[in-house]
Amino acid sequence: MSSIHKSPITCHVLIASLGIPGKEIDVKIEKLDENQFSVLSTSQTNNDGRCPNLLPQDYKVEKGIYRVTFETKEYFEKLGQACFYPYVQIVFEITQPEQHYHIPLLISPYSYTTYRGS
C-alpha cells in the first residue's frame, strides 16, 4: 500500500508545441469565498508535468468555485522562449466534492486549452 498522498483536485501540464510534460511549473489553487479568492495551497508540477499533491492532505473539498493558476511565463523563460500568456488561470466549479477533479492544461507559447480530465 502506497503512502503517497493524492489530492482530490489534481492538474497536469503538457507542452503541446514540444510534446513534453511541463515540469517544474509553479501552480496555485484558490477557493472563492465571499467574492474573493483565498489561496489554499501552492505547488509545482513534477517531472511528469503532474501535481498530485495540489491540496494539503487534510484539506476537505467543499462545493464552490475554485481557481488554478499556472505560472507559464517563468516556465517558457527557462526554455528561452517568449510567451504570450504570463500565466493561465482556470476557474471551475465543484458540485460533487466526493468526486476527483483533474485539470489538464495543454499549452504552447501562444495558445492553451483545458478540459475536465479523469
PDB file of N, CA and C in Angstrom:
ATOM      1  N   MET A   1       0.835  -1.178   0.000  1.00  0.00           N
ATOM      2  CA  MET A   1       0.000   0.000   0.000  1.00  0.00           C
ATOM      3  C   MET A   1       0.884   1.246   0.000  1.00  0.00           C
ATOM      4  N   SER A   2       0.568   2.176  -0.867  1.00  0.00           N
ATOM      5  CA  SER A   2       1.377   3.372  -1.025  1.00  0.00           C
ATOM      6  C   SER A   2       0.994   4.427   0.010  1.00  0.00           C
ATOM      7  N   SER A   3       1.988   5.141   0.499  1.00  0.00           N
ATOM      8  CA  SER A   3       1.718   6.219   1.448  1.00  0.00           C
ATOM      9  C   SER A   3       1.704   7.577   0.744  1.00  0.00           C
ATOM     10  N   ILE A   4       1.781   7.567  -0.575  1.00  0.00           N
ATOM     11  CA  ILE A   4       1.786   8.816  -1.328  1.00  0.00           C
ATOM     12  C   ILE A   4       0.386   9.416  -1.314  1.00  0.00           C
ATOM     13  N   HIS A   5       0.318  10.671  -0.958  1.00  0.00           N
ATOM     14  CA  HIS A   5      -0.940  11.415  -0.900  1.00  0.00           C
ATOM     15  C   HIS A   5      -1.330  11.858  -2.301  1.00  0.00           C
ATOM     16  N   LYS A   6      -2.586  11.651  -2.677  1.00  0.00           N
ATOM     17  CA  LYS A   6      -3.102  12.176  -3.940  1.00  0.00           C
ATOM     18  C   LYS A   6      -4.243  13.118  -3.608  1.00  0.00           C
ATOM     19  N   SER A   7      -4.094  14.340  -4.032  1.00  0.00           N
ATOM     20  CA  SER A   7      -5.077  15.381  -3.782  1.00  0.00           C
ATOM     21  C   SER A   7      -6.393  15.065  -4.496  1.00  0.00           C
ATOM     22  N   PRO A   8      -7.536  15.487  -3.928  1.00  0.00           N
ATOM     23  CA  PRO A   8      -8.825  15.304  -4.613  1.00  0.00           C
ATOM     24  C   PRO A   8      -8.957  16.203  -5.844  1.00  0.00           C
ATOM     25  N   ILE A   9      -8.098  17.221  -5.946  1.00  0.00           N
ATOM     26  CA  ILE A   9      -8.004  18.056  -7.143  1.00  0.00           C
ATOM     27  C   ILE A   9      -6.556  17.962  -7.608  1.00  0.00           C
ATOM     28  N   THR A  10      -6.361  17.536  -8.853  1.00  0.00           N
ATOM     29  CA  THR A  10      -5.020  17.409  -9.405  1.00  0.00           C
ATOM     30  C   THR A  10      -4.950  18.169 -10.723  1.00  0.00           C
ATOM     31  N   CYS A  11      -3.734  18.375 -11.210  1.00  0.00           N
ATOM     32  CA  CYS A  11      -3.568  19.031 -12.505  1.00  0.00           C
ATOM     33  C   CYS A  11      -2.394  18.394 -13.233  1.00  0.00           C
ATOM     34  N   HIS A  12      -2.314  18.696 -14.516  1.00  0.00           N
ATOM     35  CA  HIS A  12      -1.306  18.125 -15.395  1.00  0.00           C
ATOM     36  C   HIS A  12      -1.031  19.139 -16.490  1.00  0.00           C
ATOM     37  N   VAL A  13       0.228  19.364 -16.811  1.00  0.00           N
ATOM     38  CA  VAL A  13       0.592  20.310 -17.872  1.00  0.00           C
ATOM     39  C   VAL A  13       1.370  19.569 -18.946  1.00  0.00           C
ATOM     40  N   LEU A  14       0.935  19.740 -20.185  1.00  0.00           N
ATOM     41  CA  LEU A  14       1.642  19.202 -21.340  1.00  0.00           C
ATOM     42  C   LEU A  14       2.014  20.370 -22.239  1.00  0.00           C
ATOM     43  N   ILE A  15       3.269  20.443 -22.612  1.00  0.00           N
ATOM     44  CA  ILE A  15       3.710  21.475 -23.547  1.00  0.00           C
ATOM     45  C   ILE A  15       3.422  20.929 -24.947  1.00  0.00           C
ATOM     46  N   ALA A  16       2.287  21.310 -25.489  1.00  0.00           N
ATOM     47  CA  ALA A  16       1.790  20.740 -26.747  1.00  0.00           C
ATOM     48  C   ALA A  16       2.734  21.032 -27.914  1.00  0.00           C
ATOM     49  N   SER A  17       3.364  22.189 -27.907  1.00  0.00           N
ATOM     50  CA  SER A  17       4.250  22.559 -29.015  1.00  0.00           C
ATOM     51  C   SER A  17       5.520  21.709 -29.051  1.00  0.00           C
ATOM     52  N   LEU A  18       5.877  21.095 -27.920  1.00  0.00           N
ATOM     53  CA  LEU A  18       7.091  20.283 -27.840  1.00  0.00           C
ATOM     54  C   LEU A  18       6.801  18.808 -27.575  1.00  0.00           C
ATOM     55  N   GLY A  19       5.566  18.504 -27.170  1.00  0.00           N
ATOM     56  CA  GLY A  19       5.205  17.117 -26.857  1.00  0.00           C
ATOM     57  C   GLY A  19       5.873  16.588 -25.604  1.00  0.00           C
ATOM     58  N   ILE A  20       6.094  17.478 -24.637  1.00  0.00           N
ATOM     59  CA  ILE A  20       6.748  17.070 -23.388  1.00  0.00           C
ATOM     60  C   ILE A  20       5.930  17.538 -22.190  1.00  0.00           C
ATOM     61  N   PRO A  21       6.118  16.892 -21.031  1.00  0.00           N
ATOM     62  CA  PRO A  21       5.456  17.368 -19.814  1.00  0.00           C
ATOM     63  C   PRO A  21       6.005  18.731 -19.402  1.00  0.00           C
ATOM     64  N   GLY A  22       5.153  19.544 -18.825  1.00  0.00           N
ATOM     65  CA  GLY A  22       5.569  20.844 -18.287  1.00  0.00           C
ATOM     66  C   GLY A  22       6.051  20.660 -16.870  1.00  0.00           C
ATOM     67  N   LYS A  23       7.332  20.384 -16.711  1.00  0.00           N
ATOM     68  CA  LYS A  23       7.849  20.120 -15.366  1.00  0.00           C
ATOM     69  C   LYS A  23       8.339  21.384 -14.689  1.00  0.00           C
ATOM     70  N   GLU A  24       8.207  21.384 -13.371  1.00  0.00           N
ATOM     71  CA  GLU A  24       8.648  22.478 -12.505  1.00  0.00           C
ATOM     72  C   GLU A  24       7.925  23.792 -12.800  1.00  0.00           C
ATOM     73  N   ILE A  25       6.613  23.701 -13.078  1.00  0.00           N
ATOM     74  CA  ILE A  25       5.781  24.892 -13.257  1.00  0.00           C
ATOM     75  C   ILE A  25       5.097  25.181 -11.926  1.00  0.00           C
ATOM     76  N   ASP A  26       5.208  26.409 -11.459  1.00  0.00           N
ATOM     77  CA  ASP A  26       4.559  26.797 -10.207  1.00  0.00           C
ATOM     78  C   ASP A  26       3.044  26.853 -10.416  1.00  0.00           C
ATOM     79  N   VAL A  27       2.324  26.298  -9.451  1.00  0.00           N
ATOM     80  CA  VAL A  27       0.861  26.208  -9.519  1.00  0.00           C
ATOM     81  C   VAL A  27       0.291  26.681  -8.185  1.00  0.00           C
ATOM     82  N   LYS A  28      -0.814  27.409  -8.271  1.00  0.00           N
ATOM     83  CA  LYS A  28      -1.506  27.888  -7.062  1.00  0.00           C
ATOM     84  C   LYS A  28      -2.974  27.516  -7.204  1.00  0.00           C
ATOM     85  N   ILE A  29      -3.598  27.074  -6.117  1.00  0.00           N
ATOM     86  CA  ILE A  29      -5.039  26.799  -6.116  1.00  0.00           C
ATOM     87  C   ILE A  29      -5.703  27.679  -5.071  1.00  0.00           C
ATOM     88  N   GLU A  30      -6.860  28.233  -5.460  1.00  0.00           N
ATOM     89  CA  GLU A  30      -7.607  29.141  -4.590  1.00  0.00           C
ATOM     90  C   GLU A  30      -9.075  28.749  -4.599  1.00  0.00           C
ATOM     91  N   LYS A  31      -9.800  29.203  -3.579  1.00  0.00           N
ATOM     92  CA  LYS A  31     -11.246  28.990  -3.492  1.00  0.00           C
ATOM     93  C   LYS A  31     -11.923  30.342  -3.321  1.00  0.00           C
ATOM     94  N   LEU A  32     -13.050  30.511  -4.005  1.00  0.00           N
ATOM     95  CA  LEU A  32     -13.821  31.750  -3.910  1.00  0.00           C
ATOM     96  C   LEU A  32     -14.701  31.712  -2.664  1.00  0.00           C
ATOM     97  N   ASP A  33     -14.497  32.688  -1.799  1.00  0.00           N
ATOM     98  CA  ASP A  33     -15.302  32.837  -0.582  1.00  0.00           C
ATOM     99  C   ASP A  33     -15.670  34.306  -0.463  1.00  0.00           C
ATOM    100  N   GLU A  34     -16.971  34.588  -0.391  1.00  0.00           N
ATOM    101  CA  GLU A  34     -17.447  35.963  -0.230  1.00  0.00           C
ATOM    102  C   GLU A  34     -16.842  36.914  -1.260  1.00  0.00           C
ATOM    103  N   ASN A  35     -16.919  36.543  -2.526  1.00  0.00           N
ATOM    104  CA  ASN A  35     -16.468  37.358  -3.660  1.00  0.00           C
ATOM    105  C   ASN A  35     -14.960  37.619  -3.696  1.00  0.00           C
ATOM    106  N   GLN A  36     -14.191  36.790  -3.008  1.00  0.00           N
ATOM    107  CA  GLN A  36     -12.732  36.949  -3.015  1.00  0.00           C
ATOM    108  C   GLN A  36     -12.078  35.569  -3.018  1.00  0.00           C
ATOM    109  N   PHE A  37     -11.038  35.403  -3.838  1.00  0.00           N
ATOM    110  CA  PHE A  37     -10.307  34.142  -3.848  1.00  0.00           C
ATOM    111  C   PHE A  37      -9.295  34.117  -2.718  1.00  0.00           C
ATOM    112  N   SER A  38      -9.218  32.982  -2.008  1.00  0.00           N
ATOM    113  CA  SER A  38      -8.210  32.785  -0.971  1.00  0.00           C
ATOM    114  C   SER A  38      -7.326  31.616  -1.378  1.00  0.00           C
ATOM    115  N   VAL A  39      -6.026  31.786  -1.182  1.00  0.00           N
ATOM    116  CA  VAL A  39      -5.064  30.746  -1.534  1.00  0.00           C
ATOM    117  C   VAL A  39      -5.212  29.563  -0.588  1.00  0.00           C
ATOM    118  N   LEU A  40      -5.370  28.381  -1.180  1.00  0.00           N
ATOM    119  CA  LEU A  40      -5.426  27.144  -0.397  1.00  0.00           C
ATOM    120  C   LEU A  40      -4.054  26.496  -0.320  1.00  0.00           C
ATOM    121  N   SER A  41      -3.321  26.572  -1.438  1.00  0.00           N
ATOM    122  CA  SER A  41      -2.034  25.894  -1.492  1.00  0.00           C
ATOM    123  C   SER A  41      -1.258  26.333  -2.728  1.00  0.00           C
ATOM    124  N   THR A  42       0.052  26.179  -2.661  1.00  0.00           N
ATOM    125  CA  THR A  42       0.902  26.359  -3.827  1.00  0.00           C
ATOM    126  C   THR A  42       1.710  25.078  -3.992  1.00  0.00           C
ATOM    127  N   SER A  43       2.077  24.796  -5.221  1.00  0.00           N
ATOM    128  CA  SER A  43       2.823  23.579  -5.504  1.00  0.00           C
ATOM    129  C   SER A  43       3.620  23.771  -6.779  1.00  0.00           C
ATOM    130  N   GLN A  44       4.185  22.691  -7.281  1.00  0.00           N
ATOM    131  CA  GLN A  44       4.941  22.723  -8.526  1.00  0.00           C
ATOM    132  C   GLN A  44       4.760  21.388  -9.216  1.00  0.00           C
ATOM    133  N   THR A  45       4.647  21.428 -10.544  1.00  0.00           N
ATOM    134  CA  THR A  45       4.487  20.169 -11.289  1.00  0.00           C
ATOM    135  C   THR A  45       5.767  19.339 -11.174  1.00  0.00           C
ATOM    136  N   ASN A  46       5.581  18.029 -11.207  1.00  0.00           N
ATOM    137  CA  ASN A  46       6.724  17.118 -11.101  1.00  0.00           C
ATOM    138  C   ASN A  46       7.331  16.857 -12.493  1.00  0.00           C
ATOM    139  N   ASN A  47       8.235  15.911 -12.589  1.00  0.00           N
ATOM    140  CA  ASN A  47       8.915  15.627 -13.855  1.00  0.00           C
ATOM    141  C   ASN A  47       7.974  15.106 -14.936  1.00  0.00           C
ATOM    142  N   ASP A  48       6.808  14.614 -14.539  1.00  0.00           N
ATOM    143  CA  ASP A  48       5.807  14.140 -15.494  1.00  0.00           C
ATOM    144  C   ASP A  48       4.771  15.235 -15.796  1.00  0.00           C
ATOM    145  N   GLY A  49       5.007  16.451 -15.293  1.00  0.00           N
ATOM    146  CA  GLY A  49       4.096  17.564 -15.526  1.00  0.00           C
ATOM    147  C   GLY A  49       2.849  17.515 -14.667  1.00  0.00           C
ATOM    148  N   ARG A  50       2.837  16.635 -13.675  1.00  0.00           N
ATOM    149  CA  ARG A  50       1.657  16.451 -12.822  1.00  0.00           C
ATOM    150  C   ARG A  50       1.856  17.081 -11.457  1.00  0.00           C
ATOM    151  N   CYS A  51       0.724  17.362 -10.835  1.00  0.00           N
ATOM    152  CA  CYS A  51       0.740  17.940  -9.493  1.00  0.00           C
ATOM    153  C   CYS A  51      -0.213  17.099  -8.624  1.00  0.00           C
ATOM    154  N   PRO A  52       0.249  15.928  -8.178  1.00  0.00           N
ATOM    155  CA  PRO A  52      -0.633  15.026  -7.419  1.00  0.00           C
ATOM    156  C   PRO A  52      -0.922  15.489  -5.997  1.00  0.00           C
ATOM    157  N   ASN A  53      -0.146  16.432  -5.484  1.00  0.00           N
ATOM    158  CA  ASN A  53      -0.326  16.912  -4.107  1.00  0.00           C
ATOM    159  C   ASN A  53      -0.701  18.387  -4.092  1.00  0.00           C
ATOM    160  N   LEU A  54      -1.617  18.758  -4.984  1.00  0.00           N
ATOM    161  CA  LEU A  54      -2.006  20.164  -5.121  1.00  0.00           C
ATOM    162  C   LEU A  54      -2.624  20.729  -3.842  1.00  0.00           C
ATOM    163  N   LEU A  55      -3.426  19.925  -3.159  1.00  0.00           N
ATOM    164  CA  LEU A  55      -4.039  20.358  -1.896  1.00  0.00           C
ATOM    165  C   LEU A  55      -3.386  19.628  -0.721  1.00  0.00           C
ATOM    166  N   PRO A  56      -3.361  20.250   0.440  1.00  0.00           N
ATOM    167  CA  PRO A  56      -2.829  19.565   1.619  1.00  0.00           C
ATOM    168  C   PRO A  56      -3.636  18.299   1.923  1.00  0.00           C
ATOM    169  N   GLN A  57      -2.993  17.322   2.508  1.00  0.00           N
ATOM    170  CA  GLN A  57      -3.614  16.025   2.775  1.00  0.00           C
ATOM    171  C   GLN A  57      -4.881  16.135   3.621  1.00  0.00           C
ATOM    172  N   ASP A  58      -4.919  17.092   4.534  1.00  0.00           N
ATOM    173  CA  ASP A  58      -6.072  17.205   5.430  1.00  0.00           C
ATOM    174  C   ASP A  58      -7.160  18.148   4.902  1.00  0.00           C
ATOM    175  N   TYR A  59      -7.008  18.667   3.676  1.00  0.00           N
ATOM    176  CA  TYR A  59      -7.998  19.607   3.152  1.00  0.00           C
ATOM    177  C   TYR A  59      -9.256  18.867   2.712  1.00  0.00           C
ATOM    178  N   LYS A  60     -10.417  19.333   3.192  1.00  0.00           N
ATOM    179  CA  LYS A  60     -11.696  18.743   2.819  1.00  0.00           C
ATOM    180  C   LYS A  60     -12.328  19.609   1.734  1.00  0.00           C
ATOM    181  N   VAL A  61     -12.454  19.043   0.532  1.00  0.00           N
ATOM    182  CA  VAL A  61     -13.030  19.785  -0.590  1.00  0.00           C
ATOM    183  C   VAL A  61     -14.516  20.014  -0.340  1.00  0.00           C
ATOM    184  N   GLU A  62     -14.950  21.228  -0.614  1.00  0.00           N
ATOM    185  CA  GLU A  62     -16.359  21.602  -0.468  1.00  0.00           C
ATOM    186  C   GLU A  62     -16.887  22.072  -1.816  1.00  0.00           C
ATOM    187  N   LYS A  63     -18.207  22.136  -1.939  1.00  0.00           N
ATOM    188  CA  LYS A  63     -18.808  22.713  -3.135  1.00  0.00           C
ATOM    189  C   LYS A  63     -18.340  24.151  -3.249  1.00  0.00           C
ATOM    190  N   GLY A  64     -18.176  24.617  -4.481  1.00  0.00           N
ATOM    191  CA  GLY A  64     -17.783  26.010  -4.664  1.00  0.00           C
ATOM    192  C   GLY A  64     -16.991  26.233  -5.928  1.00  0.00           C
ATOM    193  N   ILE A  65     -16.519  27.463  -6.053  1.00  0.00           N
ATOM    194  CA  ILE A  65     -15.746  27.895  -7.216  1.00  0.00           C
ATOM    195  C   ILE A  65     -14.275  27.941  -6.820  1.00  0.00           C
ATOM    196  N   TYR A  66     -13.454  27.319  -7.655  1.00  0.00           N
ATOM    197  CA  TYR A  66     -12.017  27.233  -7.417  1.00  0.00           C
ATOM    198  C   TYR A  66     -11.276  27.822  -8.612  1.00  0.00           C
ATOM    199  N   ARG A  67     -10.018  28.190  -8.386  1.00  0.00           N
ATOM    200  CA  ARG A  67      -9.190  28.719  -9.469  1.00  0.00           C
ATOM    201  C   ARG A  67      -7.781  28.145  -9.331  1.00  0.00           C
ATOM    202  N   VAL A  68      -7.269  27.639 -10.447  1.00  0.00           N
ATOM    203  CA  VAL A  68      -5.891  27.159 -10.503  1.00  0.00           C
ATOM    204  C   VAL A  68      -5.115  28.113 -11.406  1.00  0.00           C
ATOM    205  N   THR A  69      -3.951  28.555 -10.934  1.00  0.00           N
ATOM    206  CA  THR A  69      -3.094  29.453 -11.702  1.00  0.00           C
ATOM    207  C   THR A  69      -1.771  28.759 -11.997  1.00  0.00           C
ATOM    208  N   PHE A  70      -1.382  28.757 -13.265  1.00  0.00           N
ATOM    209  CA  PHE A  70      -0.119  28.182 -13.720  1.00  0.00           C
ATOM    210  C   PHE A  70       0.798  29.334 -14.139  1.00  0.00           C
ATOM    211  N   GLU A  71       2.009  29.371 -13.617  1.00  0.00           N
ATOM    212  CA  GLU A  71       2.973  30.437 -13.933  1.00  0.00           C
ATOM    213  C   GLU A  71       3.725  30.058 -15.210  1.00  0.00           C
ATOM    214  N   THR A  72       3.104  30.309 -16.344  1.00  0.00           N
ATOM    215  CA  THR A  72       3.626  29.844 -17.628  1.00  0.00           C
ATOM    216  C   THR A  72       4.788  30.695 -18.163  1.00  0.00           C
ATOM    217  N   LYS A  73       4.776  31.988 -17.906  1.00  0.00           N
ATOM    218  CA  LYS A  73       5.851  32.842 -18.425  1.00  0.00           C
ATOM    219  C   LYS A  73       7.205  32.411 -17.859  1.00  0.00           C
ATOM    220  N   GLU A  74       7.256  32.184 -16.557  1.00  0.00           N
ATOM    221  CA  GLU A  74       8.501  31.747 -15.925  1.00  0.00           C
ATOM    222  C   GLU A  74       9.010  30.456 -16.555  1.00  0.00           C
ATOM    223  N   TYR A  75       8.084  29.540 -16.837  1.00  0.00           N
ATOM    224  CA  TYR A  75       8.463  28.259 -17.444  1.00  0.00           C
ATOM    225  C   TYR A  75       9.073  28.480 -18.828  1.00  0.00           C
ATOM    226  N   PHE A  76       8.388  29.222 -19.691  1.00  0.00           N
ATOM    227  CA  PHE A  76       8.886  29.436 -21.046  1.00  0.00           C
ATOM    228  C   PHE A  76      10.168  30.267 -21.060  1.00  0.00           C
ATOM    229  N   GLU A  77      10.322  31.171 -20.100  1.00  0.00           N
ATOM    230  CA  GLU A  77      11.578  31.924 -20.000  1.00  0.00           C
ATOM    231  C   GLU A  77      12.750  30.988 -19.741  1.00  0.00           C
ATOM    232  N   LYS A  78      12.542  29.948 -18.902  1.00  0.00           N
ATOM    233  CA  LYS A  78      13.603  28.960 -18.636  1.00  0.00           C
ATOM    234  C   LYS A  78      14.001  28.235 -19.916  1.00  0.00           C
ATOM    235  N   LEU A  79      13.048  28.092 -20.850  1.00  0.00           N
ATOM    236  CA  LEU A  79      13.328  27.436 -22.132  1.00  0.00           C
ATOM    237  C   LEU A  79      13.892  28.418 -23.160  1.00  0.00           C
ATOM    238  N   GLY A  80      13.968  29.700 -22.789  1.00  0.00           N
ATOM    239  CA  GLY A  80      14.458  30.715 -23.711  1.00  0.00           C
ATOM    240  C   GLY A  80      13.432  31.094 -24.769  1.00  0.00           C
ATOM    241  N   GLN A  81      12.146  30.919 -24.442  1.00  0.00           N
ATOM    242  CA  GLN A  81      11.078  31.231 -25.393  1.00  0.00           C
ATOM    243  C   GLN A  81      10.209  32.366 -24.870  1.00  0.00           C
ATOM    244  N   ALA A  82       9.740  33.189 -25.803  1.00  0.00           N
ATOM    245  CA  ALA A  82       8.763  34.212 -25.447  1.00  0.00           C
ATOM    246  C   ALA A  82       7.425  33.514 -25.215  1.00  0.00           C
ATOM    247  N   CYS A  83       6.575  34.138 -24.424  1.00  0.00           N
ATOM    248  CA  CYS A  83       5.274  33.549 -24.100  1.00  0.00           C
ATOM    249  C   CYS A  83       4.227  34.659 -24.074  1.00  0.00           C
ATOM    250  N   PHE A  84       3.151  34.468 -24.786  1.00  0.00           N
ATOM    251  CA  PHE A  84       2.085  35.455 -24.845  1.00  0.00           C
ATOM    252  C   PHE A  84       1.285  35.511 -23.548  1.00  0.00           C
ATOM    253  N   TYR A  85       1.130  34.370 -22.884  1.00  0.00           N
ATOM    254  CA  TYR A  85       0.347  34.278 -21.649  1.00  0.00           C
ATOM    255  C   TYR A  85       1.287  34.200 -20.444  1.00  0.00           C
ATOM    256  N   PRO A  86       1.391  35.265 -19.635  1.00  0.00           N
ATOM    257  CA  PRO A  86       2.297  35.227 -18.490  1.00  0.00           C
ATOM    258  C   PRO A  86       1.864  34.210 -17.433  1.00  0.00           C
ATOM    259  N   TYR A  87       0.577  33.957 -17.374  1.00  0.00           N
ATOM    260  CA  TYR A  87       0.045  32.896 -16.517  1.00  0.00           C
ATOM    261  C   TYR A  87      -1.287  32.472 -17.104  1.00  0.00           C
ATOM    262  N   VAL A  88      -1.719  31.279 -16.710  1.00  0.00           N
ATOM    263  CA  VAL A  88      -3.022  30.762 -17.139  1.00  0.00           C
ATOM    264  C   VAL A  88      -3.832  30.495 -15.884  1.00  0.00           C
ATOM    265  N   GLN A  89      -5.037  31.059 -15.843  1.00  0.00           N
ATOM    266  CA  GLN A  89      -5.941  30.807 -14.721  1.00  0.00           C
ATOM    267  C   GLN A  89      -7.149  30.030 -15.231  1.00  0.00           C
ATOM    268  N   ILE A  90      -7.437  28.945 -14.550  1.00  0.00           N
ATOM    269  CA  ILE A  90      -8.585  28.123 -14.901  1.00  0.00           C
ATOM    270  C   ILE A  90      -9.533  28.148 -13.708  1.00  0.00           C
ATOM    271  N   VAL A  91     -10.735  28.656 -13.949  1.00  0.00           N
ATOM    272  CA  VAL A  91     -11.759  28.739 -12.907  1.00  0.00           C
ATOM    273  C   VAL A  91     -12.774  27.639 -13.170  1.00  0.00           C
ATOM    274  N   PHE A  92     -13.124  26.893 -12.133  1.00  0.00           N
ATOM    275  CA  PHE A  92     -14.057  25.778 -12.289  1.00  0.00           C
ATOM    276  C   PHE A  92     -14.917  25.652 -11.039  1.00  0.00           C
ATOM    277  N   GLU A  93     -16.050  24.958 -11.191  1.00  0.00           N
ATOM    278  CA  GLU A  93     -16.981  24.797 -10.076  1.00  0.00           C
ATOM    279  C   GLU A  93     -17.069  23.331  -9.666  1.00  0.00           C
ATOM    280  N   ILE A  94     -16.979  23.111  -8.373  1.00  0.00           N
ATOM    281  CA  ILE A  94     -17.143  21.768  -7.817  1.00  0.00           C
ATOM    282  C   ILE A  94     -18.555  21.663  -7.265  1.00  0.00           C
ATOM    283  N   THR A  95     -19.306  20.720  -7.799  1.00  0.00           N
ATOM    284  CA  THR A  95     -20.678  20.490  -7.352  1.00  0.00           C
ATOM    285  C   THR A  95     -20.814  19.170  -6.606  1.00  0.00           C
ATOM    286  N   GLN A  96     -19.852  18.279  -6.799  1.00  0.00           N
ATOM    287  CA  GLN A  96     -19.874  16.974  -6.131  1.00  0.00           C
ATOM    288  C   GLN A  96     -18.502  16.732  -5.493  1.00  0.00           C
ATOM    289  N   PRO A  97     -18.308  17.219  -4.271  1.00  0.00           N
ATOM    290  CA  PRO A  97     -16.993  17.160  -3.629  1.00  0.00           C
ATOM    291  C   PRO A  97     -16.425  15.755  -3.445  1.00  0.00           C
ATOM    292  N   GLU A  98     -17.270  14.751  -3.489  1.00  0.00           N
ATOM    293  CA  GLU A  98     -16.780  13.382  -3.308  1.00  0.00           C
ATOM    294  C   GLU A  98     -16.061  12.862  -4.549  1.00  0.00           C
ATOM    295  N   GLN A  99     -16.203  13.538  -5.689  1.00  0.00           N
ATOM    296  CA  GLN A  99     -15.540  13.114  -6.927  1.00  0.00           C
ATOM    297  C   GLN A  99     -14.118  13.655  -6.988  1.00  0.00           C
ATOM    298  N   HIS A 100     -13.321  13.037  -7.853  1.00  0.00           N
ATOM    299  CA  HIS A 100     -11.969  13.532  -8.123  1.00  0.00           C
ATOM    300  C   HIS A 100     -12.051  14.527  -9.275  1.00  0.00           C
ATOM    301  N   TYR A 101     -11.346  15.641  -9.159  1.00  0.00           N
ATOM    302  CA  TYR A 101     -11.328  16.662 -10.204  1.00  0.00           C
ATOM    303  C   TYR A 101      -9.901  16.801 -10.726  1.00  0.00           C
ATOM    304  N   HIS A 102      -9.747  16.613 -12.040  1.00  0.00           N
ATOM    305  CA  HIS A 102      -8.434  16.699 -12.684  1.00  0.00           C
ATOM    306  C   HIS A 102      -8.481  17.804 -13.726  1.00  0.00           C
ATOM    307  N   ILE A 103      -7.529  18.727 -13.656  1.00  0.00           N
ATOM    308  CA  ILE A 103      -7.493  19.903 -14.520  1.00  0.00           C
ATOM    309  C   ILE A 103      -6.249  19.828 -15.403  1.00  0.00           C
ATOM    310  N   PRO A 104      -6.375  19.300 -16.623  1.00  0.00           N
ATOM    311  CA  PRO A 104      -5.229  19.280 -17.541  1.00  0.00           C
ATOM    312  C   PRO A 104      -5.087  20.620 -18.265  1.00  0.00           C
ATOM    313  N   LEU A 105      -3.850  20.987 -18.543  1.00  0.00           N
ATOM    314  CA  LEU A 105      -3.549  22.188 -19.311  1.00  0.00           C
ATOM    315  C   LEU A 105      -2.596  21.801 -20.434  1.00  0.00           C
ATOM    316  N   LEU A 106      -3.013  22.042 -21.667  1.00  0.00           N
ATOM    317  CA  LEU A 106      -2.151  21.854 -22.831  1.00  0.00           C
ATOM    318  C   LEU A 106      -1.763  23.253 -23.294  1.00  0.00           C
ATOM    319  N   ILE A 107      -0.462  23.503 -23.378  1.00  0.00           N
ATOM    320  CA  ILE A 107      -0.019  24.872 -23.651  1.00  0.00           C
ATOM    321  C   ILE A 107       1.116  24.913 -24.662  1.00  0.00           C
ATOM    322  N   SER A 108       1.172  26.006 -25.374  1.00  0.00           N
ATOM    323  CA  SER A 108       2.309  26.373 -26.210  1.00  0.00           C
ATOM    324  C   SER A 108       2.534  27.864 -25.916  1.00  0.00           C
ATOM    325  N   PRO A 109       3.581  28.457 -26.439  1.00  0.00           N
ATOM    326  CA  PRO A 109       3.823  29.864 -26.106  1.00  0.00           C
ATOM    327  C   PRO A 109       2.686  30.812 -26.510  1.00  0.00           C
ATOM    328  N   TYR A 110       1.856  30.426 -27.481  1.00  0.00           N
ATOM    329  CA  TYR A 110       0.816  31.338 -27.972  1.00  0.00           C
ATOM    330  C   TYR A 110      -0.588  30.756 -27.947  1.00  0.00           C
ATOM    331  N   SER A 111      -0.785  29.670 -27.224  1.00  0.00           N
ATOM    332  CA  SER A 111      -2.138  29.116 -27.112  1.00  0.00           C
ATOM    333  C   SER A 111      -2.201  28.181 -25.913  1.00  0.00           C
ATOM    334  N   TYR A 112      -3.432  27.932 -25.465  1.00  0.00           N
ATOM    335  CA  TYR A 112      -3.639  26.913 -24.438  1.00  0.00           C
ATOM    336  C   TYR A 112      -5.069  26.392 -24.530  1.00  0.00           C
ATOM    337  N   THR A 113      -5.274  25.205 -23.975  1.00  0.00           N
ATOM    338  CA  THR A 113      -6.602  24.612 -23.886  1.00  0.00           C
ATOM    339  C   THR A 113      -6.653  23.777 -22.613  1.00  0.00           C
ATOM    340  N   THR A 114      -7.857  23.542 -22.151  1.00  0.00           N
ATOM    341  CA  THR A 114      -8.057  22.749 -20.950  1.00  0.00           C
ATOM    342  C   THR A 114      -9.379  22.023 -21.048  1.00  0.00           C
ATOM    343  N   TYR A 115      -9.587  21.064 -20.183  1.00  0.00           N
ATOM    344  CA  TYR A 115     -10.824  20.294 -20.132  1.00  0.00           C
ATOM    345  C   TYR A 115     -10.880  19.604 -18.773  1.00  0.00           C
ATOM    346  N   ARG A 116     -12.027  19.045 -18.443  1.00  0.00           N
ATOM    347  CA  ARG A 116     -12.089  18.258 -17.203  1.00  0.00           C
ATOM    348  C   ARG A 116     -11.582  16.863 -17.497  1.00  0.00           C
ATOM    349  N   GLY A 117     -10.507  16.520 -16.864  1.00  0.00           N
ATOM    350  CA  GLY A 117      -9.896  15.210 -17.066  1.00  0.00           C
ATOM    351  C   GLY A 117     -10.440  14.187 -16.090  1.00  0.00           C
ATOM    352  N   SER A 118      -9.811  13.023 -16.131  1.00  0.00           N
ATOM    353  CA  SER A 118     -10.245  11.940 -15.227  1.00  0.00           C
ATOM    354  C   SER A 118      -9.092  11.479 -14.368  1.00  0.00           C
TER     355      SER A 118
END
